[in-house]
Protein backbone atom coordinates (compact mmCIF):
# COMPACT_ATOMS: atom_id res chain seq x y z
CA MET A 1 37.25 42.05 -104.28
CA SER A 2 39.41 43.70 -106.93
CA THR A 3 43.19 43.81 -107.04
CA THR A 4 43.02 47.59 -106.72
CA GLN A 5 41.16 47.35 -103.42
CA ALA A 6 43.64 44.79 -102.11
CA THR A 7 46.65 46.97 -102.88
CA VAL A 8 45.03 50.02 -101.31
CA THR A 9 44.43 47.93 -98.19
CA GLU A 10 48.14 47.17 -98.07
CA ALA A 11 48.86 50.89 -98.28
CA GLN A 12 46.71 51.52 -95.21
CA SER A 13 49.10 49.43 -93.15
CA TYR A 14 52.24 50.88 -94.71
CA PRO A 15 51.73 54.55 -95.64
CA MET A 16 54.21 54.40 -98.50
CA THR A 17 54.15 50.76 -99.52
CA GLU A 18 53.92 50.01 -103.21
CA LEU A 19 50.46 50.58 -104.62
CA GLY A 20 48.93 48.99 -107.64
CA PRO A 21 47.86 50.80 -110.80
CA HIS A 22 45.09 53.38 -110.35
CA ALA A 23 45.15 52.91 -106.60
CA SER A 24 44.75 56.63 -105.95
CA LYS A 25 41.45 56.62 -107.86
CA ASP A 26 39.79 54.22 -105.47
CA ALA A 27 39.10 56.80 -102.79
CA GLU A 28 36.30 54.87 -101.11
CA ALA A 29 38.58 51.96 -100.31
CA SER A 30 40.76 53.97 -97.92
CA PRO A 31 39.86 56.05 -94.86
CA VAL A 32 42.69 58.46 -95.73
CA GLU A 33 42.19 60.37 -98.95
CA GLU A 34 45.13 60.45 -101.35
CA THR A 35 46.43 63.89 -102.31
CA PRO A 36 48.43 65.16 -105.28
CA ALA A 37 51.44 65.51 -102.97
CA ASP A 38 51.54 61.71 -102.81
CA ALA A 39 51.87 61.21 -106.52
CA ASP A 40 55.65 60.97 -106.42
CA VAL A 41 55.59 58.03 -103.99
CA VAL A 42 52.87 55.95 -105.67
CA GLN A 43 54.44 53.17 -107.69
CA SER A 44 53.17 50.36 -109.84
CA GLU A 45 54.67 46.91 -109.37
CA ALA A 46 52.99 44.75 -111.95
CA ALA A 47 55.98 42.40 -111.93
CA THR A 48 57.04 40.40 -108.89
CA PRO A 49 59.53 42.54 -106.87
CA MET A 50 62.31 39.96 -106.79
CA LEU A 51 64.90 42.08 -104.97
CA LYS A 52 62.46 42.84 -102.17
CA LEU A 53 61.50 39.16 -101.94
CA VAL A 54 65.15 38.15 -101.66
CA VAL A 55 65.73 40.71 -98.89
CA ALA A 56 62.55 39.58 -97.09
CA GLY A 57 63.75 35.99 -97.31
CA TYR A 58 67.18 36.99 -96.04
CA SER A 59 65.61 38.68 -93.00
CA PHE A 60 63.97 35.35 -92.16
CA PHE A 61 67.31 33.62 -92.72
CA CYS A 62 68.92 35.98 -90.17
CA ALA A 63 66.17 35.19 -87.67
CA GLY A 64 66.67 31.47 -88.26
CA VAL A 65 70.42 31.64 -87.70
CA ASN A 66 69.84 33.53 -84.45
CA ASP A 67 67.30 30.99 -83.19
CA GLY A 68 69.29 28.00 -84.42
CA THR A 69 72.50 28.97 -82.63
CA LEU A 70 71.08 29.29 -79.11
CA GLY A 71 70.24 25.63 -78.45
CA PRO A 72 73.74 24.23 -79.14
CA LEU A 73 75.29 27.08 -77.13
CA ILE A 74 73.24 26.49 -73.96
CA PRO A 75 75.69 23.96 -72.42
CA TYR A 76 78.57 26.37 -73.11
CA ILE A 77 76.65 29.32 -71.65
CA ILE A 78 75.87 27.30 -68.50
CA SER A 79 79.53 26.32 -68.12
CA SER A 80 80.99 29.72 -68.96
CA PHE A 81 78.80 31.76 -66.61
CA GLY A 82 78.54 29.05 -63.94
CA ILE A 83 74.73 29.06 -63.93
CA GLY A 84 71.87 26.55 -64.07
CA THR A 85 68.88 25.97 -66.32
CA GLY A 86 66.84 28.46 -64.33
CA GLU A 87 69.13 31.30 -65.40
CA ILE A 88 68.88 30.16 -69.03
CA ALA A 89 65.15 30.77 -68.67
CA ILE A 90 65.99 34.47 -68.27
CA ILE A 91 67.17 34.54 -71.89
CA TYR A 92 63.85 33.17 -73.14
CA GLY A 93 61.97 35.44 -70.75
CA THR A 94 63.78 38.49 -72.09
CA THR A 95 62.99 37.34 -75.62
CA PHE A 96 59.33 37.06 -74.66
CA LEU A 97 59.36 40.62 -73.30
CA GLY A 98 60.68 41.81 -76.65
CA TRP A 99 57.86 40.11 -78.54
CA LEU A 100 55.33 41.43 -76.02
CA LEU A 101 56.64 44.98 -76.48
CA ALA A 102 56.39 44.51 -80.24
CA ALA A 103 52.77 43.38 -79.94
CA VAL A 104 51.93 46.60 -78.04
CA THR A 105 53.87 49.06 -80.19
CA ASN A 106 53.57 47.50 -83.64
CA PRO A 107 50.02 48.72 -84.51
CA PHE A 108 50.95 52.32 -83.70
CA LEU A 109 54.25 52.23 -85.58
CA ALA A 110 52.57 50.64 -88.61
CA ALA A 111 50.08 53.52 -88.71
CA TYR A 112 52.75 56.21 -88.88
CA LEU A 113 55.88 54.68 -90.44
CA THR A 114 56.52 53.42 -93.94
CA LEU A 115 57.31 49.81 -94.73
CA GLY A 116 60.97 50.61 -95.37
CA GLN A 117 61.27 52.45 -92.07
CA LEU A 118 59.74 49.56 -90.15
CA LEU A 119 62.03 47.03 -91.79
CA GLY A 120 65.04 49.30 -91.31
CA ALA A 121 64.31 49.77 -87.61
CA GLY A 122 63.98 46.02 -87.16
CA SER A 123 67.25 45.24 -88.92
CA VAL A 124 69.20 47.89 -86.94
CA LEU A 125 67.83 46.63 -83.61
CA GLN A 126 68.99 43.09 -84.42
CA LEU A 127 72.46 44.32 -85.35
CA ALA A 128 72.69 46.31 -82.12
CA ALA A 129 71.71 43.22 -80.10
CA HIS A 130 74.48 41.10 -81.62
CA LEU A 131 77.04 43.83 -80.97
CA LEU A 132 76.31 43.45 -77.24
CA ARG A 133 76.82 39.69 -77.08
CA PRO A 134 80.50 38.90 -77.79
CA ARG A 135 81.69 40.59 -74.60
CA GLY A 136 80.24 41.54 -71.26
CA PRO A 137 78.69 39.88 -68.19
CA LEU A 138 75.61 37.68 -68.01
CA PRO A 139 73.08 40.52 -67.39
CA LEU A 140 74.19 42.33 -70.55
CA PHE A 141 74.18 39.10 -72.55
CA CYS A 142 70.61 38.32 -71.44
CA ALA A 143 69.42 41.89 -71.97
CA ALA A 144 70.61 41.78 -75.59
CA PHE A 145 67.84 39.32 -76.41
CA LEU A 146 65.19 42.01 -75.91
CA PRO A 147 66.25 44.29 -78.82
CA GLN A 148 66.93 41.15 -80.86
CA SER A 149 63.37 39.86 -80.53
CA LEU A 150 61.90 43.37 -80.86
CA GLY A 151 63.79 43.96 -84.11
CA MET A 152 62.91 40.51 -85.39
CA ALA A 153 59.24 41.16 -84.65
CA TYR A 154 59.19 44.42 -86.59
CA GLN A 155 61.12 43.15 -89.59
CA ASP A 156 59.74 39.64 -89.99
CA ALA A 157 56.11 40.47 -89.21
CA HIS A 158 56.05 43.24 -91.82
CA SER A 159 58.06 41.22 -94.33
CA ASN A 160 55.47 38.47 -93.85
CA ALA A 161 52.58 40.89 -94.41
CA PHE A 162 54.33 42.43 -97.43
CA VAL A 163 54.86 39.06 -99.12
CA GLY A 164 51.34 37.90 -98.24
CA GLY A 165 49.97 41.00 -99.99
CA LEU A 166 51.65 40.28 -103.33
CA ARG A 167 49.50 39.53 -106.33
CA ASN A 168 51.48 36.66 -107.83
CA VAL A 169 51.01 33.31 -105.98
CA PRO A 170 51.62 34.73 -102.48
CA HIS A 171 51.29 31.30 -100.84
CA ARG A 172 54.39 30.13 -102.72
CA TRP A 173 56.36 33.24 -101.79
CA LEU A 174 55.30 32.80 -98.17
CA GLY A 175 56.64 29.27 -98.42
CA PHE A 176 59.89 30.71 -99.80
CA ILE A 177 60.54 33.18 -96.97
CA HIS A 178 59.64 30.64 -94.29
CA ALA A 179 61.92 28.10 -95.96
CA CYS A 180 64.64 30.76 -95.65
CA TYR A 181 63.98 30.81 -91.91
CA ALA A 182 64.34 27.02 -91.76
CA LEU A 183 67.57 27.30 -93.76
CA GLY A 184 68.89 29.74 -91.15
CA CYS A 185 67.91 27.34 -88.37
CA PHE A 186 69.72 24.58 -90.27
CA VAL A 187 72.90 26.65 -90.60
CA GLY A 188 72.76 27.94 -87.01
CA PRO A 189 73.65 24.70 -85.15
CA LEU A 190 76.40 23.91 -87.67
CA LEU A 191 77.88 27.35 -87.17
CA ALA A 192 77.52 27.37 -83.39
CA THR A 193 78.96 23.89 -82.84
CA ALA A 194 81.84 24.36 -85.28
CA VAL A 195 82.92 27.65 -83.71
CA ALA A 196 82.36 26.61 -80.10
CA THR A 197 84.38 23.39 -80.46
CA SER A 198 87.25 24.92 -82.43
CA ALA A 199 90.55 25.89 -80.81
CA PRO A 200 90.02 29.32 -79.24
CA GLY A 201 92.16 32.12 -80.59
CA ASP A 202 92.55 33.88 -77.25
CA GLY A 203 93.42 30.83 -75.17
CA ASP A 204 90.19 31.01 -73.18
CA GLY A 205 88.33 27.81 -73.92
CA GLU A 206 85.28 28.75 -71.91
CA ASP A 207 84.55 31.82 -74.04
CA ALA A 208 85.23 30.35 -77.47
CA TRP A 209 81.48 30.09 -78.06
CA ARG A 210 81.16 33.89 -77.96
CA ARG A 211 82.91 34.16 -81.32
CA VAL A 212 79.73 32.82 -82.93
CA TYR A 213 78.27 36.28 -82.50
CA PHE A 214 80.98 37.92 -84.58
CA VAL A 215 79.67 35.86 -87.51
CA LEU A 216 76.11 36.91 -86.71
CA ILE A 217 77.20 40.55 -86.66
CA GLY A 218 78.41 40.17 -90.23
CA ILE A 219 75.16 38.47 -91.25
CA CYS A 220 73.14 41.32 -89.71
CA VAL A 221 75.24 43.99 -91.43
CA LEU A 222 74.19 42.46 -94.76
CA ASN A 223 70.60 42.47 -93.53
CA VAL A 224 70.71 46.23 -92.83
CA ALA A 225 72.36 46.90 -96.20
CA GLY A 226 69.77 44.79 -98.02
CA VAL A 227 66.87 46.71 -96.51
CA ALA A 228 68.56 50.03 -97.31
CA VAL A 229 68.91 49.06 -100.98
CA ALA A 230 65.72 47.08 -101.70
CA PHE A 231 63.29 49.26 -99.75
CA ARG A 232 64.95 52.63 -100.35
CA ASP A 233 61.79 53.87 -102.09
CA SER A 234 60.00 54.01 -98.74
CA LEU A 235 62.94 54.19 -96.33
CA TRP A 236 64.18 57.74 -96.74
CA ARG A 237 60.88 59.58 -97.23
CA ARG A 238 58.41 60.92 -94.74
CA PRO A 239 54.90 59.42 -94.75
CA HIS A 240 52.46 61.50 -96.79
CA HIS A 241 50.32 62.39 -93.76
CA HIS A 242 53.37 64.02 -92.09
CA ARG A 243 54.26 66.09 -95.16
CA ASN A 244 50.87 67.80 -95.15
CA ASN A 245 50.62 70.32 -92.31
CA ASN A 246 46.82 70.38 -92.54
CA ASP A 247 46.39 66.65 -92.20
CA GLY A 248 45.58 66.53 -88.48
CA GLY A 249 42.04 65.38 -89.20
CA GLY A 250 43.33 62.64 -91.48
CA GLN A 251 45.68 61.37 -88.79
CA ARG A 252 42.86 61.28 -86.26
CA LYS A 253 40.66 59.38 -88.71
CA ARG A 254 43.49 56.97 -89.37
CA GLY A 255 44.04 56.40 -85.65
CA ARG A 256 40.33 55.87 -84.97
CA ALA A 257 40.01 53.48 -87.91
CA ALA A 258 43.01 51.49 -86.65
CA MET A 259 41.55 51.28 -83.14
CA ARG A 260 38.15 50.13 -84.43
CA GLY A 261 39.76 47.51 -86.64
CA THR A 262 41.91 46.23 -83.78
CA ALA A 263 38.91 46.02 -81.44
CA ARG A 264 36.95 44.08 -84.07
CA LEU A 265 39.79 41.63 -84.58
CA LEU A 266 40.24 41.02 -80.86
CA ARG A 267 36.62 39.88 -80.69
CA SER A 268 37.24 37.26 -83.38
CA LYS A 269 37.22 33.65 -82.19
CA THR A 270 39.11 32.65 -85.34
CA LEU A 271 41.95 35.04 -84.52
CA TRP A 272 42.44 33.56 -81.06
CA LEU A 273 42.24 29.94 -82.25
CA LEU A 274 44.84 30.54 -84.95
CA SER A 275 47.03 32.46 -82.52
CA LEU A 276 46.71 29.63 -79.99
CA PHE A 277 47.74 27.06 -82.61
CA TYR A 278 50.86 29.03 -83.48
CA PHE A 279 51.57 29.90 -79.84
CA LEU A 280 51.59 26.20 -78.91
CA THR A 281 53.27 24.65 -81.96
CA LEU A 282 56.05 27.23 -82.18
CA GLY A 283 56.49 26.80 -78.45
CA ALA A 284 56.92 23.07 -79.03
CA ASN A 285 59.41 23.56 -81.88
CA PHE A 286 61.52 26.14 -80.05
CA THR A 287 61.50 24.10 -76.83
CA ALA A 288 62.54 20.93 -78.63
CA GLY A 289 65.23 22.62 -80.73
CA GLY A 290 66.50 24.77 -77.88
CA TRP A 291 66.82 22.15 -75.14
CA VAL A 292 67.57 18.97 -77.11
CA VAL A 293 71.36 19.26 -76.81
CA GLU A 294 71.22 19.71 -73.05
CA PHE A 295 68.71 16.81 -72.85
CA LEU A 296 70.85 14.42 -74.91
CA THR A 297 74.00 15.19 -72.94
CA ALA A 298 72.50 15.37 -69.43
CA VAL A 299 69.86 12.62 -69.67
CA ARG A 300 70.98 10.33 -72.51
CA GLY A 301 74.72 10.66 -71.85
CA GLY A 302 75.54 11.83 -75.37
CA ASP A 303 78.81 13.49 -76.37
CA LEU A 304 78.51 17.29 -76.41
CA ALA A 305 80.50 17.80 -79.61
CA ALA A 306 78.29 15.29 -81.47
CA ALA A 307 74.99 16.24 -79.83
CA GLY A 308 75.51 19.85 -80.85
CA TYR A 309 74.72 18.85 -84.44
CA VAL A 310 71.39 17.16 -83.59
CA PRO A 311 69.35 20.40 -83.95
CA THR A 312 70.72 20.57 -87.49
CA GLY A 313 68.75 17.42 -88.31
CA PHE A 314 65.62 18.94 -86.77
CA TYR A 315 65.91 22.18 -88.71
CA GLY A 316 67.08 20.37 -91.83
CA GLY A 317 63.89 18.31 -91.65
CA MET A 318 61.91 21.53 -91.24
CA LEU A 319 63.59 23.00 -94.33
CA ALA A 320 62.82 19.86 -96.36
CA GLY A 321 59.22 19.87 -95.15
CA ARG A 322 58.71 23.47 -96.20
CA LEU A 323 60.15 22.77 -99.63
CA LEU A 324 58.64 19.34 -100.36
CA LEU A 325 55.27 19.43 -98.58
CA ALA A 326 54.06 22.86 -99.69
CA GLU A 327 52.35 21.78 -102.91
CA PRO A 328 50.92 18.45 -101.64
CA THR A 329 49.51 20.30 -98.63
CA PHE A 330 47.92 22.92 -100.88
CA ARG A 331 46.47 20.33 -103.29
CA TRP A 332 45.08 17.86 -100.73
CA GLY A 333 43.58 20.44 -98.41
CA GLU A 334 45.56 22.70 -96.11
CA GLN A 335 43.44 22.28 -93.01
CA ARG A 336 43.15 18.51 -93.38
CA MET A 337 46.88 18.04 -94.00
CA LEU A 338 48.00 20.19 -91.07
CA LEU A 339 45.80 18.12 -88.78
CA LEU A 340 47.46 14.96 -90.14
CA TYR A 341 50.92 16.47 -89.63
CA SER A 342 50.01 17.33 -86.03
CA VAL A 343 49.08 13.69 -85.35
CA LEU A 344 52.36 12.51 -86.89
CA CYS A 345 54.35 14.97 -84.76
CA VAL A 346 52.66 13.63 -81.62
CA ALA A 347 53.52 10.03 -82.61
CA LEU A 348 57.14 10.90 -83.41
CA GLN A 349 57.51 12.81 -80.15
CA LEU A 350 56.44 9.65 -78.31
CA VAL A 351 59.15 7.74 -80.22
CA PHE A 352 61.71 10.37 -79.22
CA TRP A 353 60.65 10.13 -75.59
CA LEU A 354 60.19 6.39 -75.07
CA GLN A 355 63.26 4.92 -76.78
CA PRO A 356 66.66 5.59 -75.15
CA ASP A 357 68.97 5.52 -78.17
CA VAL A 358 70.60 8.86 -79.05
CA VAL A 359 70.66 8.12 -82.78
CA GLY A 360 67.03 7.03 -82.77
CA SER A 361 66.10 10.21 -80.92
CA ALA A 362 67.94 12.31 -83.49
CA VAL A 363 66.14 10.58 -86.37
CA ALA A 364 62.73 10.99 -84.73
CA LEU A 365 63.45 14.68 -84.09
CA SER A 366 64.39 15.16 -87.76
CA PHE A 367 61.05 13.74 -88.88
CA ILE A 368 59.25 15.98 -86.38
CA GLY A 369 60.94 18.92 -88.07
CA PHE A 370 59.91 17.59 -91.49
CA PHE A 371 56.21 17.25 -90.69
CA SER A 372 56.03 20.49 -88.70
CA GLY A 373 57.75 22.36 -91.53
CA PRO A 374 54.58 23.41 -93.40
CA PHE A 375 52.83 24.66 -90.24
CA PHE A 376 53.77 28.31 -90.46
CA ALA A 377 53.35 29.17 -94.14
CA THR A 378 50.24 26.98 -94.53
CA GLY A 379 48.64 28.41 -91.42
CA MET A 380 49.26 31.94 -92.69
CA SER A 381 47.71 30.97 -96.03
CA VAL A 382 44.60 29.66 -94.27
CA ALA A 383 44.43 32.79 -92.10
CA SER A 384 44.51 34.99 -95.20
CA LYS A 385 41.37 33.18 -96.43
CA LEU A 386 39.52 33.43 -93.10
CA PHE A 387 39.87 37.21 -92.70
CA PRO A 388 38.62 39.99 -94.99
CA ARG A 389 41.38 41.60 -97.00
CA GLU A 390 41.18 44.85 -95.06
CA ASP A 391 41.85 42.94 -91.81
CA GLN A 392 44.60 40.67 -93.09
CA PRO A 393 47.69 42.83 -92.34
CA ALA A 394 46.65 43.42 -88.72
CA ALA A 395 45.44 39.84 -88.20
CA LEU A 396 48.53 38.19 -89.69
CA GLY A 397 50.82 40.52 -87.76
CA PHE A 398 49.02 39.73 -84.48
CA ILE A 399 49.19 35.98 -85.10
CA PHE A 400 52.87 36.19 -86.06
CA VAL A 401 53.83 38.06 -82.89
CA LEU A 402 51.82 35.72 -80.64
CA ALA A 403 53.47 32.75 -82.33
CA GLN A 404 56.94 34.05 -81.61
CA ALA A 405 55.92 34.85 -78.04
CA GLY A 406 55.06 31.18 -77.60
CA GLY A 407 58.46 30.30 -79.02
CA ALA A 408 60.00 32.37 -76.23
CA ILE A 409 57.84 31.64 -73.20
CA PHE A 410 57.67 27.82 -73.35
CA PRO A 411 61.45 27.27 -73.50
CA SER A 412 61.67 29.67 -70.55
CA VAL A 413 59.07 27.72 -68.58
CA THR A 414 60.87 24.49 -69.44
CA GLY A 415 64.11 25.86 -68.06
CA LEU A 416 62.45 26.94 -64.81
CA ILE A 417 60.80 23.54 -64.31
CA ALA A 418 64.03 21.75 -65.20
CA THR A 419 65.76 23.53 -62.32
CA SER A 420 63.97 21.27 -59.85
CA ALA A 421 62.67 18.39 -61.99
CA GLY A 422 65.62 17.94 -64.36
CA VAL A 423 65.93 18.35 -68.13
CA ALA A 424 63.93 15.12 -68.67
CA VAL A 425 60.82 17.27 -68.20
CA LEU A 426 61.40 18.43 -71.79
CA GLN A 427 59.62 15.41 -73.27
CA PRO A 428 56.17 15.61 -71.62
CA ILE A 429 56.10 19.39 -72.13
CA VAL A 430 56.80 19.15 -75.87
CA LEU A 431 54.32 16.28 -76.25
CA GLY A 432 51.61 18.24 -74.48
CA LEU A 433 52.23 21.29 -76.67
CA TYR A 434 51.88 19.30 -79.89
CA VAL A 435 48.65 17.67 -78.65
CA ALA A 436 47.15 21.01 -77.57
CA GLY A 437 48.26 22.63 -80.83
CA GLY A 438 46.56 19.93 -82.89
CA ILE A 439 43.33 20.36 -80.93
CA SER A 440 43.35 24.13 -81.44
CA TRP A 441 43.88 23.63 -85.20
CA TRP A 442 40.99 21.16 -85.32
CA LEU A 443 38.76 23.88 -83.81
CA VAL A 444 39.71 26.51 -86.43
CA PRO A 445 36.68 27.23 -88.68
CA LYS A 446 36.71 25.76 -92.17
CA VAL A 447 37.75 28.09 -94.97
CA PRO A 448 34.57 29.38 -96.66
CA GLN A 449 34.10 29.44 -100.39
CA ARG A 450 34.93 32.97 -101.53
CA SER A 451 34.61 34.69 -104.86
CA ASP A 452 37.37 37.28 -104.24
């Protein structure tokens, strides 16, 4: 398949996304015919769009900081609000609802909004969520996680699809943006623990942890500004099919084509196996990183101030794995290596579970992060080879949203079970998720030899 066809396919998902040279001449590649009115929005990006890549990476960094701060804050949230682990499950449940809402609305928004508008909406929703968190009662605090996850779904899913559609070594740029997420997760526990354990400025020790969200507000302001600058070419303009008053037939064709493509994808066994792999493995990572501090303090008797830094080792290992294992994984076979990493994660999880030493547990968790680091970017790379180019944006977006849903629902389920069984239930749940994830990856079809 030619580069021209691939770039036109990207334009079908984002009505004003950058198109390659001569894209408007390839009329048969798109169900919506290009018109002269669109000439002013068609751009050629022969060179790698570095500013857009930096902003896409920063959006993943913001998501990582958000996810990385929650785990160390859970003991403080429980103490401050006077609640149990069951109520903490509400936070993860609300997050899951946000990802579920994104899965339902995303295909329709992608058909009618530009890339810049989708990314802008996602960044603004995340900023709004953080503005609700520093003050207010528990219901408002929990409710803020819905717009957070919804905004994250819109921005990160479309940033992921945008980077995956680049011409120049997209698998390396995918590795870059997902390493940015791991960097955010690495910074998050450091930030949360340092702020939560510092002397409170208002004299209220219980609520010192809330000041973490003032820092996240600043981070999200930069995120909104970055999108406004880097993607301004498609942020402030109306999609071409809305500028043409006689384009009702084109919109209907676009809608029908999107529905047919979605129905075809939902019948794909490969789509569901890949989604299941991500659903389970991200569920394992988020459950381990989110509940490890509470586990080490409640079950292993660790010191809260010291245990709060343990997730940093986990996410630091993930960052190192995404940076150091990307090329070896690509060279020695992506599917084979991810299966090996899954086996190693299962073995290390057993070490974490069966030995009682806090330091040993922290080291084992760091190595789990290291070997699970390549999962996301490598899995997306494999998925891009298993689906036709015209199906890749929808397929990768669906897989991404289902993955994040798993990262929300399993920590929630863990919290509910821990209400009656105790936080020690964390270990068998995480172990089972890694085993099931490895089995689902083993069942994914082999990548065929392709000439395009």
